[in-house]
PDB file of all heavy atoms in Angstrom:
ATOM      1  N   VAL A   1     -37.214 -36.321  42.437  1.00  0.00           N
ATOM      2  CA  VAL A   1     -36.473 -36.394  41.201  1.00  0.00           C
ATOM      3  C   VAL A   1     -37.284 -37.137  40.137  1.00  0.00           C
ATOM      4  O   VAL A   1     -37.435 -36.707  38.947  1.00  0.00           O
ATOM      5  CB  VAL A   1     -35.072 -37.013  41.417  1.00  0.00           C
ATOM      6  CG1 VAL A   1     -34.412 -37.287  40.095  1.00  0.00           C
ATOM      7  CG2 VAL A   1     -34.221 -36.028  42.238  1.00  0.00           C
ATOM      8  N   ARG A   2     -37.801 -38.324  40.492  1.00  0.00           N
ATOM      9  CA  ARG A   2     -38.565 -39.117  39.616  1.00  0.00           C
ATOM     10  C   ARG A   2     -39.815 -38.368  39.148  1.00  0.00           C
ATOM     11  O   ARG A   2     -40.235 -38.517  37.972  1.00  0.00           O
ATOM     12  CB  ARG A   2     -39.000 -40.470  40.225  1.00  0.00           C
ATOM     13  CG  ARG A   2     -37.744 -41.406  40.386  1.00  0.00           C
ATOM     14  CD  ARG A   2     -38.149 -42.789  40.696  1.00  0.00           C
ATOM     15  NE  ARG A   2     -39.138 -43.017  41.618  1.00  0.00           N
ATOM     16  CZ  ARG A   2     -38.953 -43.151  42.967  1.00  0.00           C
ATOM     17  NH1 ARG A   2     -37.721 -43.192  43.432  1.00  0.00           N
ATOM     18  NH2 ARG A   2     -39.938 -43.272  43.865  1.00  0.00           N
ATOM     19  N   ARG A   3     -40.445 -37.569  39.981  1.00  0.00           N
ATOM     20  CA  ARG A   3     -41.610 -36.806  39.575  1.00  0.00           C
ATOM     21  C   ARG A   3     -41.158 -35.723  38.574  1.00  0.00           C
ATOM     22  O   ARG A   3     -41.918 -35.561  37.589  1.00  0.00           O
ATOM     23  CB  ARG A   3     -42.230 -36.059  40.855  1.00  0.00           C
ATOM     24  CG  ARG A   3     -43.380 -35.199  40.495  1.00  0.00           C
ATOM     25  CD  ARG A   3     -44.561 -36.032  39.958  1.00  0.00           C
ATOM     26  NE  ARG A   3     -45.595 -35.145  39.425  1.00  0.00           N
ATOM     27  CZ  ARG A   3     -45.967 -35.285  38.095  1.00  0.00           C
ATOM     28  NH1 ARG A   3     -45.695 -36.240  37.369  1.00  0.00           N
ATOM     29  NH2 ARG A   3     -46.882 -34.289  37.698  1.00  0.00           N
ATOM     30  N   LEU A   4     -40.008 -35.094  38.702  1.00  0.00           N
ATOM     31  CA  LEU A   4     -39.593 -34.219  37.679  1.00  0.00           C
ATOM     32  C   LEU A   4     -39.269 -34.843  36.399  1.00  0.00           C
ATOM     33  O   LEU A   4     -39.503 -34.374  35.270  1.00  0.00           O
ATOM     34  CB  LEU A   4     -38.282 -33.455  38.235  1.00  0.00           C
ATOM     35  CG  LEU A   4     -38.570 -32.400  39.323  1.00  0.00           C
ATOM     36  CD1 LEU A   4     -37.231 -31.844  39.818  1.00  0.00           C
ATOM     37  CD2 LEU A   4     -39.394 -31.247  38.841  1.00  0.00           C
ATOM     38  N   HIS A   5     -38.755 -36.067  36.474  1.00  0.00           N
ATOM     39  CA  HIS A   5     -38.479 -36.873  35.233  1.00  0.00           C
ATOM     40  C   HIS A   5     -39.792 -37.154  34.564  1.00  0.00           C
ATOM     41  O   HIS A   5     -39.854 -37.159  33.277  1.00  0.00           O
ATOM     42  CB  HIS A   5     -37.882 -38.142  35.660  1.00  0.00           C
ATOM     43  CG  HIS A   5     -36.426 -38.121  35.992  1.00  0.00           C
ATOM     44  ND1 HIS A   5     -35.680 -39.133  36.448  1.00  0.00           N
ATOM     45  CD2 HIS A   5     -35.577 -37.094  36.047  1.00  0.00           C
ATOM     46  CE1 HIS A   5     -34.534 -38.819  36.756  1.00  0.00           C
ATOM     47  NE2 HIS A   5     -34.366 -37.530  36.498  1.00  0.00           N
ATOM     48  N   ASP A   6     -40.919 -37.290  35.284  1.00  0.00           N
ATOM     49  CA  ASP A   6     -42.203 -37.647  34.639  1.00  0.00           C
ATOM     50  C   ASP A   6     -42.738 -36.500  33.865  1.00  0.00           C
ATOM     51  O   ASP A   6     -43.515 -36.667  32.836  1.00  0.00           O
ATOM     52  CB  ASP A   6     -43.262 -37.992  35.736  1.00  0.00           C
ATOM     53  CG  ASP A   6     -44.593 -38.533  35.219  1.00  0.00           C
ATOM     54  OD1 ASP A   6     -44.428 -39.410  34.284  1.00  0.00           O
ATOM     55  OD2 ASP A   6     -45.570 -38.141  35.705  1.00  0.00           O
ATOM     56  N   ILE A   7     -42.328 -35.212  34.097  1.00  0.00           N
ATOM     57  CA  ILE A   7     -42.781 -34.068  33.391  1.00  0.00           C
ATOM     58  C   ILE A   7     -41.663 -33.664  32.343  1.00  0.00           C
ATOM     59  O   ILE A   7     -41.676 -32.603  31.779  1.00  0.00           O
ATOM     60  CB  ILE A   7     -43.223 -32.919  34.211  1.00  0.00           C
ATOM     61  CG1 ILE A   7     -42.064 -32.333  35.131  1.00  0.00           C
ATOM     62  CG2 ILE A   7     -44.414 -33.271  35.045  1.00  0.00           C
ATOM     63  CD1 ILE A   7     -42.447 -31.064  35.732  1.00  0.00           C
ATOM     64  N   GLY A   8     -40.599 -34.524  32.284  1.00  0.00           N
ATOM     65  CA  GLY A   8     -39.575 -34.224  31.210  1.00  0.00           C
ATOM     66  C   GLY A   8     -38.426 -33.260  31.689  1.00  0.00           C
ATOM     67  O   GLY A   8     -37.794 -32.681  30.887  1.00  0.00           O
ATOM     68  N   ARG A   9     -38.278 -33.135  33.015  1.00  0.00           N
ATOM     69  CA  ARG A   9     -37.255 -32.249  33.517  1.00  0.00           C
ATOM     70  C   ARG A   9     -36.233 -33.017  34.303  1.00  0.00           C
ATOM     71  O   ARG A   9     -36.533 -34.037  34.798  1.00  0.00           O
ATOM     72  CB  ARG A   9     -37.807 -31.235  34.497  1.00  0.00           C
ATOM     73  CG  ARG A   9     -38.869 -30.285  33.789  1.00  0.00           C
ATOM     74  CD  ARG A   9     -39.094 -29.024  34.571  1.00  0.00           C
ATOM     75  NE  ARG A   9     -39.966 -28.146  33.843  1.00  0.00           N
ATOM     76  CZ  ARG A   9     -39.625 -27.375  32.949  1.00  0.00           C
ATOM     77  NH1 ARG A   9     -38.380 -27.206  32.571  1.00  0.00           N
ATOM     78  NH2 ARG A   9     -40.593 -26.528  32.338  1.00  0.00           N
ATOM     79  N   SER A  10     -35.003 -32.571  34.338  1.00  0.00           N
ATOM     80  CA  SER A  10     -33.895 -33.166  35.058  1.00  0.00           C
ATOM     81  C   SER A  10     -34.076 -32.946  36.512  1.00  0.00           C
ATOM     82  O   SER A  10     -34.734 -32.024  37.007  1.00  0.00           O
ATOM     83  CB  SER A  10     -32.674 -32.476  34.532  1.00  0.00           C
ATOM     84  OG  SER A  10     -31.545 -32.848  35.475  1.00  0.00           O
ATOM     85  N   GLY A  11     -33.711 -33.903  37.299  1.00  0.00           N
ATOM     86  CA  GLY A  11     -33.689 -33.907  38.762  1.00  0.00           C
ATOM     87  C   GLY A  11     -32.926 -32.744  39.300  1.00  0.00           C
ATOM     88  O   GLY A  11     -33.106 -32.247  40.415  1.00  0.00           O
ATOM     89  N   TRP A  12     -31.994 -32.194  38.591  1.00  0.00           N
ATOM     90  CA  TRP A  12     -31.123 -31.027  38.998  1.00  0.00           C
ATOM     91  C   TRP A  12     -31.978 -29.798  39.234  1.00  0.00           C
ATOM     92  O   TRP A  12     -31.635 -28.862  39.809  1.00  0.00           O
ATOM     93  CB  TRP A  12     -30.050 -30.743  37.970  1.00  0.00           C
ATOM     94  CG  TRP A  12     -28.887 -31.714  38.052  1.00  0.00           C
ATOM     95  CD1 TRP A  12     -28.719 -32.825  37.144  1.00  0.00           C
ATOM     96  CD2 TRP A  12     -27.920 -31.981  39.150  1.00  0.00           C
ATOM     97  NE1 TRP A  12     -27.658 -33.509  37.638  1.00  0.00           N
ATOM     98  CE2 TRP A  12     -27.140 -33.033  38.838  1.00  0.00           C
ATOM     99  CE3 TRP A  12     -27.759 -31.288  40.278  1.00  0.00           C
ATOM    100  CZ2 TRP A  12     -26.098 -33.446  39.597  1.00  0.00           C
ATOM    101  CZ3 TRP A  12     -26.676 -31.692  41.116  1.00  0.00           C
ATOM    102  CH2 TRP A  12     -25.911 -32.775  40.744  1.00  0.00           C
ATOM    103  N   TRP A  13     -33.243 -29.839  38.571  1.00  0.00           N
ATOM    104  CA  TRP A  13     -34.132 -28.681  38.841  1.00  0.00           C
ATOM    105  C   TRP A  13     -34.547 -28.579  40.292  1.00  0.00           C
ATOM    106  O   TRP A  13     -35.106 -27.428  40.700  1.00  0.00           O
ATOM    107  CB  TRP A  13     -35.409 -28.738  37.948  1.00  0.00           C
ATOM    108  CG  TRP A  13     -35.131 -28.265  36.506  1.00  0.00           C
ATOM    109  CD1 TRP A  13     -34.927 -28.947  35.379  1.00  0.00           C
ATOM    110  CD2 TRP A  13     -34.994 -26.891  36.145  1.00  0.00           C
ATOM    111  NE1 TRP A  13     -34.700 -28.112  34.396  1.00  0.00           N
ATOM    112  CE2 TRP A  13     -34.710 -26.865  34.740  1.00  0.00           C
ATOM    113  CE3 TRP A  13     -35.086 -25.656  36.850  1.00  0.00           C
ATOM    114  CZ2 TRP A  13     -34.642 -25.743  34.092  1.00  0.00           C
ATOM    115  CZ3 TRP A  13     -34.874 -24.496  36.103  1.00  0.00           C
ATOM    116  CH2 TRP A  13     -34.638 -24.522  34.779  1.00  0.00           C
ATOM    117  N   LEU A  14     -34.330 -29.587  41.076  1.00  0.00           N
ATOM    118  CA  LEU A  14     -34.690 -29.427  42.423  1.00  0.00           C
ATOM    119  C   LEU A  14     -33.799 -28.341  43.187  1.00  0.00           C
ATOM    120  O   LEU A  14     -34.267 -27.788  44.075  1.00  0.00           O
ATOM    121  CB  LEU A  14     -34.394 -30.753  43.272  1.00  0.00           C
ATOM    122  CG  LEU A  14     -35.380 -31.839  43.207  1.00  0.00           C
ATOM    123  CD1 LEU A  14     -34.919 -33.037  43.875  1.00  0.00           C
ATOM    124  CD2 LEU A  14     -36.682 -31.380  43.756  1.00  0.00           C
ATOM    125  N   LEU A  15     -32.726 -28.001  42.609  1.00  0.00           N
ATOM    126  CA  LEU A  15     -31.834 -26.907  43.221  1.00  0.00           C
ATOM    127  C   LEU A  15     -32.503 -25.566  42.977  1.00  0.00           C
ATOM    128  O   LEU A  15     -32.046 -24.579  43.660  1.00  0.00           O
ATOM    129  CB  LEU A  15     -30.487 -26.962  42.488  1.00  0.00           C
ATOM    130  CG  LEU A  15     -29.681 -28.173  42.806  1.00  0.00           C
ATOM    131  CD1 LEU A  15     -28.343 -28.161  41.983  1.00  0.00           C
ATOM    132  CD2 LEU A  15     -29.314 -28.412  44.210  1.00  0.00           C
ATOM    133  N   ILE A  16     -33.551 -25.393  42.225  1.00  0.00           N
ATOM    134  CA  ILE A  16     -34.207 -24.140  42.125  1.00  0.00           C
ATOM    135  C   ILE A  16     -34.801 -23.719  43.378  1.00  0.00           C
ATOM    136  O   ILE A  16     -35.128 -22.578  43.636  1.00  0.00           O
ATOM    137  CB  ILE A  16     -35.342 -24.203  40.972  1.00  0.00           C
ATOM    138  CG1 ILE A  16     -35.651 -22.779  40.522  1.00  0.00           C
ATOM    139  CG2 ILE A  16     -36.520 -24.973  41.376  1.00  0.00           C
ATOM    140  CD1 ILE A  16     -36.424 -22.715  39.238  1.00  0.00           C
ATOM    141  N   GLN A  17     -34.981 -24.690  44.324  1.00  0.00           N
ATOM    142  CA  GLN A  17     -35.568 -24.197  45.598  1.00  0.00           C
ATOM    143  C   GLN A  17     -34.706 -23.323  46.500  1.00  0.00           C
ATOM    144  O   GLN A  17     -35.091 -22.742  47.505  1.00  0.00           O
ATOM    145  CB  GLN A  17     -36.157 -25.402  46.401  1.00  0.00           C
ATOM    146  CG  GLN A  17     -35.348 -26.629  46.419  1.00  0.00           C
ATOM    147  CD  GLN A  17     -36.104 -27.773  47.118  1.00  0.00           C
ATOM    148  OE1 GLN A  17     -37.086 -27.612  47.997  1.00  0.00           O
ATOM    149  NE2 GLN A  17     -35.675 -28.932  46.829  1.00  0.00           N
ATOM    150  N   VAL A  18     -33.395 -23.188  46.060  1.00  0.00           N
ATOM    151  CA  VAL A  18     -32.542 -22.306  46.796  1.00  0.00           C
ATOM    152  C   VAL A  18     -32.935 -20.900  46.517  1.00  0.00           C
ATOM    153  O   VAL A  18     -32.550 -19.975  47.227  1.00  0.00           O
ATOM    154  CB  VAL A  18     -31.042 -22.512  46.523  1.00  0.00           C
ATOM    155  CG1 VAL A  18     -30.612 -23.925  46.862  1.00  0.00           C
ATOM    156  CG2 VAL A  18     -30.692 -22.197  45.056  1.00  0.00           C
ATOM    157  N   VAL A  19     -33.735 -20.605  45.497  1.00  0.00           N
ATOM    158  CA  VAL A  19     -34.220 -19.277  45.260  1.00  0.00           C
ATOM    159  C   VAL A  19     -35.450 -19.048  46.179  1.00  0.00           C
ATOM    160  O   VAL A  19     -36.407 -19.747  46.068  1.00  0.00           O
ATOM    161  CB  VAL A  19     -34.705 -19.096  43.787  1.00  0.00           C
ATOM    162  CG1 VAL A  19     -35.349 -17.735  43.557  1.00  0.00           C
ATOM    163  CG2 VAL A  19     -33.534 -19.339  42.838  1.00  0.00           C
ATOM    164  N   PRO A  20     -35.351 -18.111  47.118  1.00  0.00           N
ATOM    165  CA  PRO A  20     -36.446 -18.048  48.116  1.00  0.00           C
ATOM    166  C   PRO A  20     -37.820 -17.808  47.413  1.00  0.00           C
ATOM    167  O   PRO A  20     -37.974 -17.080  46.467  1.00  0.00           O
ATOM    168  CB  PRO A  20     -36.049 -16.761  48.910  1.00  0.00           C
ATOM    169  CG  PRO A  20     -34.566 -16.598  48.700  1.00  0.00           C
ATOM    170  CD  PRO A  20     -34.373 -17.222  47.241  1.00  0.00           C
ATOM    171  N   ILE A  21     -38.816 -18.421  47.984  1.00  0.00           N
ATOM    172  CA  ILE A  21     -40.173 -18.360  47.620  1.00  0.00           C
ATOM    173  C   ILE A  21     -40.457 -18.797  46.132  1.00  0.00           C
ATOM    174  O   ILE A  21     -41.268 -19.727  45.929  1.00  0.00           O
ATOM    175  CB  ILE A  21     -40.833 -16.965  48.014  1.00  0.00           C
ATOM    176  CG1 ILE A  21     -40.679 -16.764  49.529  1.00  0.00           C
ATOM    177  CG2 ILE A  21     -42.341 -16.997  47.563  1.00  0.00           C
ATOM    178  CD1 ILE A  21     -41.027 -15.353  49.894  1.00  0.00           C
ATOM    179  N   VAL A  22     -39.854 -18.151  45.249  1.00  0.00           N
ATOM    180  CA  VAL A  22     -40.162 -18.307  43.802  1.00  0.00           C
ATOM    181  C   VAL A  22     -39.787 -19.745  43.432  1.00  0.00           C
ATOM    182  O   VAL A  22     -40.455 -20.499  42.725  1.00  0.00           O
ATOM    183  CB  VAL A  22     -39.430 -17.267  42.945  1.00  0.00           C
ATOM    184  CG1 VAL A  22     -39.540 -17.616  41.466  1.00  0.00           C
ATOM    185  CG2 VAL A  22     -39.929 -15.810  43.295  1.00  0.00           C
ATOM    186  N   GLY A  23     -38.582 -20.216  43.885  1.00  0.00           N
ATOM    187  CA  GLY A  23     -38.081 -21.531  43.500  1.00  0.00           C
ATOM    188  C   GLY A  23     -39.196 -22.645  44.043  1.00  0.00           C
ATOM    189  O   GLY A  23     -39.457 -23.543  43.312  1.00  0.00           O
ATOM    190  N   ALA A  24     -39.574 -22.474  45.369  1.00  0.00           N
ATOM    191  CA  ALA A  24     -40.576 -23.428  45.822  1.00  0.00           C
ATOM    192  C   ALA A  24     -41.867 -23.407  45.117  1.00  0.00           C
ATOM    193  O   ALA A  24     -42.609 -24.417  44.750  1.00  0.00           O
ATOM    194  CB  ALA A  24     -40.789 -23.182  47.296  1.00  0.00           C
ATOM    195  N   LEU A  25     -42.302 -22.258  44.724  1.00  0.00           N
ATOM    196  CA  LEU A  25     -43.574 -22.163  43.859  1.00  0.00           C
ATOM    197  C   LEU A  25     -43.454 -22.695  42.539  1.00  0.00           C
ATOM    198  O   LEU A  25     -44.350 -23.411  42.109  1.00  0.00           O
ATOM    199  CB  LEU A  25     -43.896 -20.661  43.845  1.00  0.00           C
ATOM    200  CG  LEU A  25     -44.457 -19.977  45.108  1.00  0.00           C
ATOM    201  CD1 LEU A  25     -44.668 -18.474  44.866  1.00  0.00           C
ATOM    202  CD2 LEU A  25     -45.704 -20.648  45.583  1.00  0.00           C
ATOM    203  N   ILE A  26     -42.312 -22.602  41.932  1.00  0.00           N
ATOM    204  CA  ILE A  26     -42.068 -23.073  40.521  1.00  0.00           C
ATOM    205  C   ILE A  26     -42.161 -24.782  40.722  1.00  0.00           C
ATOM    206  O   ILE A  26     -42.780 -25.399  39.925  1.00  0.00           O
ATOM    207  CB  ILE A  26     -40.782 -22.692  39.906  1.00  0.00           C
ATOM    208  CG1 ILE A  26     -40.853 -21.294  39.557  1.00  0.00           C
ATOM    209  CG2 ILE A  26     -40.352 -23.600  38.761  1.00  0.00           C
ATOM    210  CD1 ILE A  26     -39.569 -20.556  39.155  1.00  0.00           C
ATOM    211  N   LEU A  27     -41.492 -25.219  41.744  1.00  0.00           N
ATOM    212  CA  LEU A  27     -41.446 -26.667  41.937  1.00  0.00           C
ATOM    213  C   LEU A  27     -42.908 -27.219  42.237  1.00  0.00           C
ATOM    214  O   LEU A  27     -43.246 -28.245  41.662  1.00  0.00           O
ATOM    215  CB  LEU A  27     -40.546 -27.064  43.083  1.00  0.00           C
ATOM    216  CG  LEU A  27     -39.089 -27.306  42.817  1.00  0.00           C
ATOM    217  CD1 LEU A  27     -38.282 -27.702  44.033  1.00  0.00           C
ATOM    218  CD2 LEU A  27     -38.971 -28.393  41.759  1.00  0.00           C
ATOM    219  N   LEU A  28     -43.656 -26.457  43.008  1.00  0.00           N
ATOM    220  CA  LEU A  28     -44.919 -26.839  43.302  1.00  0.00           C
ATOM    221  C   LEU A  28     -45.828 -26.830  42.050  1.00  0.00           C
ATOM    222  O   LEU A  28     -46.542 -27.817  41.707  1.00  0.00           O
ATOM    223  CB  LEU A  28     -45.641 -25.921  44.374  1.00  0.00           C
ATOM    224  CG  LEU A  28     -47.048 -26.104  44.783  1.00  0.00           C
ATOM    225  CD1 LEU A  28     -47.162 -27.495  45.381  1.00  0.00           C
ATOM    226  CD2 LEU A  28     -47.524 -25.059  45.646  1.00  0.00           C
ATOM    227  N   TRP A  29     -45.639 -25.849  41.159  1.00  0.00           N
ATOM    228  CA  TRP A  29     -46.353 -25.842  40.034  1.00  0.00           C
ATOM    229  C   TRP A  29     -45.979 -26.987  39.019  1.00  0.00           C
ATOM    230  O   TRP A  29     -46.892 -27.668  38.472  1.00  0.00           O
ATOM    231  CB  TRP A  29     -45.962 -24.584  39.208  1.00  0.00           C
ATOM    232  CG  TRP A  29     -46.600 -24.490  37.807  1.00  0.00           C
ATOM    233  CD1 TRP A  29     -45.904 -24.506  36.588  1.00  0.00           C
ATOM    234  CD2 TRP A  29     -47.995 -24.375  37.476  1.00  0.00           C
ATOM    235  NE1 TRP A  29     -46.802 -24.482  35.513  1.00  0.00           N
ATOM    236  CE2 TRP A  29     -48.148 -24.265  36.056  1.00  0.00           C
ATOM    237  CE3 TRP A  29     -49.132 -24.195  38.268  1.00  0.00           C
ATOM    238  CZ2 TRP A  29     -49.254 -24.163  35.438  1.00  0.00           C
ATOM    239  CZ3 TRP A  29     -50.323 -24.126  37.606  1.00  0.00           C
ATOM    240  CH2 TRP A  29     -50.391 -24.134  36.150  1.00  0.00           C
ATOM    241  N   TRP A  30     -44.745 -27.446  38.995  1.00  0.00           N
ATOM    242  CA  TRP A  30     -44.231 -28.561  38.308  1.00  0.00           C
ATOM    243  C   TRP A  30     -44.790 -29.856  38.839  1.00  0.00           C
ATOM    244  O   TRP A  30     -45.199 -30.818  38.081  1.00  0.00           O
ATOM    245  CB  TRP A  30     -42.825 -28.640  38.107  1.00  0.00           C
ATOM    246  CG  TRP A  30     -42.275 -27.562  37.162  1.00  0.00           C
ATOM    247  CD1 TRP A  30     -42.838 -26.930  36.265  1.00  0.00           C
ATOM    248  CD2 TRP A  30     -40.841 -27.184  37.175  1.00  0.00           C
ATOM    249  NE1 TRP A  30     -41.930 -26.070  35.684  1.00  0.00           N
ATOM    250  CE2 TRP A  30     -40.754 -26.179  36.117  1.00  0.00           C
ATOM    251  CE3 TRP A  30     -39.729 -27.444  37.944  1.00  0.00           C
ATOM    252  CZ2 TRP A  30     -39.559 -25.551  35.887  1.00  0.00           C
ATOM    253  CZ3 TRP A  30     -38.536 -26.846  37.617  1.00  0.00           C
ATOM    254  CH2 TRP A  30     -38.453 -25.869  36.532  1.00  0.00           C
ATOM    255  N   TYR A  31     -44.891 -29.993  40.168  1.00  0.00           N
ATOM    256  CA  TYR A  31     -45.377 -31.184  40.780  1.00  0.00           C
ATOM    257  C   TYR A  31     -46.849 -31.465  40.460  1.00  0.00           C
ATOM    258  O   TYR A  31     -47.257 -32.548  40.538  1.00  0.00           O
ATOM    259  CB  TYR A  31     -45.149 -31.120  42.295  1.00  0.00           C
ATOM    260  CG  TYR A  31     -43.694 -31.290  42.723  1.00  0.00           C
ATOM    261  CD1 TYR A  31     -43.367 -30.753  43.956  1.00  0.00           C
ATOM    262  CD2 TYR A  31     -42.743 -31.893  41.921  1.00  0.00           C
ATOM    263  CE1 TYR A  31     -42.053 -30.895  44.398  1.00  0.00           C
ATOM    264  CE2 TYR A  31     -41.468 -31.917  42.348  1.00  0.00           C
ATOM    265  CZ  TYR A  31     -41.128 -31.500  43.633  1.00  0.00           C
ATOM    266  OH  TYR A  31     -39.838 -31.600  43.990  1.00  0.00           O
ATOM    267  N   VAL A  32     -47.606 -30.425  40.286  1.00  0.00           N
ATOM    268  CA  VAL A  32     -49.067 -30.581  40.063  1.00  0.00           C
ATOM    269  C   VAL A  32     -49.331 -30.778  38.564  1.00  0.00           C
ATOM    270  O   VAL A  32     -50.592 -31.073  38.144  1.00  0.00           O
ATOM    271  CB  VAL A  32     -49.860 -29.453  40.660  1.00  0.00           C
ATOM    272  CG1 VAL A  32     -49.735 -29.349  42.208  1.00  0.00           C
ATOM    273  CG2 VAL A  32     -49.641 -28.124  40.013  1.00  0.00           C
ATOM    274  N   GLN A  33     -48.432 -30.666  37.755  1.00  0.00           N
ATOM    275  CA  GLN A  33     -48.647 -30.779  36.248  1.00  0.00           C
ATOM    276  C   GLN A  33     -48.777 -32.200  35.883  1.00  0.00           C
ATOM    277  O   GLN A  33     -48.158 -33.099  36.550  1.00  0.00           O
ATOM    278  CB  GLN A  33     -47.476 -30.130  35.423  1.00  0.00           C
ATOM    279  CG  GLN A  33     -47.357 -28.729  35.614  1.00  0.00           C
ATOM    280  CD  GLN A  33     -48.587 -27.924  35.284  1.00  0.00           C
ATOM    281  OE1 GLN A  33     -49.108 -28.120  34.096  1.00  0.00           O
ATOM    282  NE2 GLN A  33     -49.093 -27.185  36.142  1.00  0.00           N
ATOM    283  N   PRO A  34     -49.605 -32.586  34.917  1.00  0.00           N
ATOM    284  CA  PRO A  34     -49.643 -33.983  34.506  1.00  0.00           C
ATOM    285  C   PRO A  34     -48.341 -34.441  33.777  1.00  0.00           C
ATOM    286  O   PRO A  34     -47.621 -33.613  33.245  1.00  0.00           O
ATOM    287  CB  PRO A  34     -50.805 -34.033  33.500  1.00  0.00           C
ATOM    288  CG  PRO A  34     -51.000 -32.633  33.117  1.00  0.00           C
ATOM    289  CD  PRO A  34     -50.498 -31.668  34.168  1.00  0.00           C
ATOM    290  N   GLY A  35     -48.033 -35.622  33.989  1.00  0.00           N
ATOM    291  CA  GLY A  35     -46.806 -36.194  33.275  1.00  0.00           C
ATOM    292  C   GLY A  35     -46.954 -36.290  31.851  1.00  0.00           C
ATOM    293  O   GLY A  35     -48.046 -36.224  31.265  1.00  0.00           O
ATOM    294  N   ASN A  36     -45.746 -36.426  31.255  1.00  0.00           N
ATOM    295  CA  ASN A  36     -45.792 -36.562  29.770  1.00  0.00           C
ATOM    296  C   ASN A  36     -46.403 -37.869  29.325  1.00  0.00           C
ATOM    297  O   ASN A  36     -46.213 -38.937  29.968  1.00  0.00           O
ATOM    298  CB  ASN A  36     -44.286 -36.536  29.258  1.00  0.00           C
ATOM    299  CG  ASN A  36     -43.609 -35.202  29.462  1.00  0.00           C
ATOM    300  OD1 ASN A  36     -44.249 -34.193  29.687  1.00  0.00           O
ATOM    301  ND2 ASN A  36     -42.281 -35.201  29.316  1.00  0.00           N
ATOM    302  N   GLU A  37     -47.253 -37.833  28.274  1.00  0.00           N
ATOM    303  CA  GLU A  37     -47.852 -39.016  27.711  1.00  0.00           C
ATOM    304  C   GLU A  37     -46.798 -39.786  27.032  1.00  0.00           C
ATOM    305  O   GLU A  37     -45.949 -39.339  26.301  1.00  0.00           O
ATOM    306  CB  GLU A  37     -48.952 -38.710  26.813  1.00  0.00           C
ATOM    307  CG  GLU A  37     -50.157 -38.008  27.486  1.00  0.00           C
ATOM    308  CD  GLU A  37     -50.860 -38.960  28.455  1.00  0.00           C
ATOM    309  OE1 GLU A  37     -50.941 -40.181  28.143  1.00  0.00           O
ATOM    310  OE2 GLU A  37     -51.291 -38.530  29.484  1.00  0.00           O
TER     311      GLU A  37
END
């Protein structure tokens, strides 16, 4: 959740992983993005 906050997204976006495959890939993409300056 704190990692999602670092890129300016709500922690509720973790629920996107209930979407098979695509949800996990989207989260992975967000996790590797640099945080907001």
